[in-house]
Amino acid sequence: MALRTPVNSQITDAVAQQSVQVLASAPAMAMGMVYQSAAHSIGILYQNTVAAQRQASICAQAATNQGVIQMYSAGSMAGAASTAKVARSNTAEDLIKAVLILKLLK
């Protein structure tokens, strides 16, 4: 109970309780803001990851398309040899070597 004042004691008690409530809820509000900021940062991280994967996929498709165009523009035997070589390999270096061989055969 509050000290005796010329103001009604119920009013001083209500004001004191409100001040205590504000002070008591401050840590919870701060933690809520920290969690919300962390969730926002993680969301941006995922968005950037998806965008990077999309760009990598587009670059891979463009490189494959250029390789196929190079193979179709060369002679049929050279194209067959290059296709067989690419089919046996899994690396991009072999694809680049095949494209260079095709350019040399022109």
Foldseek 3Di string as FASTA:
>chain_A
DDDDDPDDPVVVVVVVVVVVVVVVCVVVVVVVVVVVVVVVVVVVVVVVVVVVVVVVVVVVVVLVVVLVVLLVVADPVLSVVLVVQVVVDDDVVSSVVSSVVSVVRD
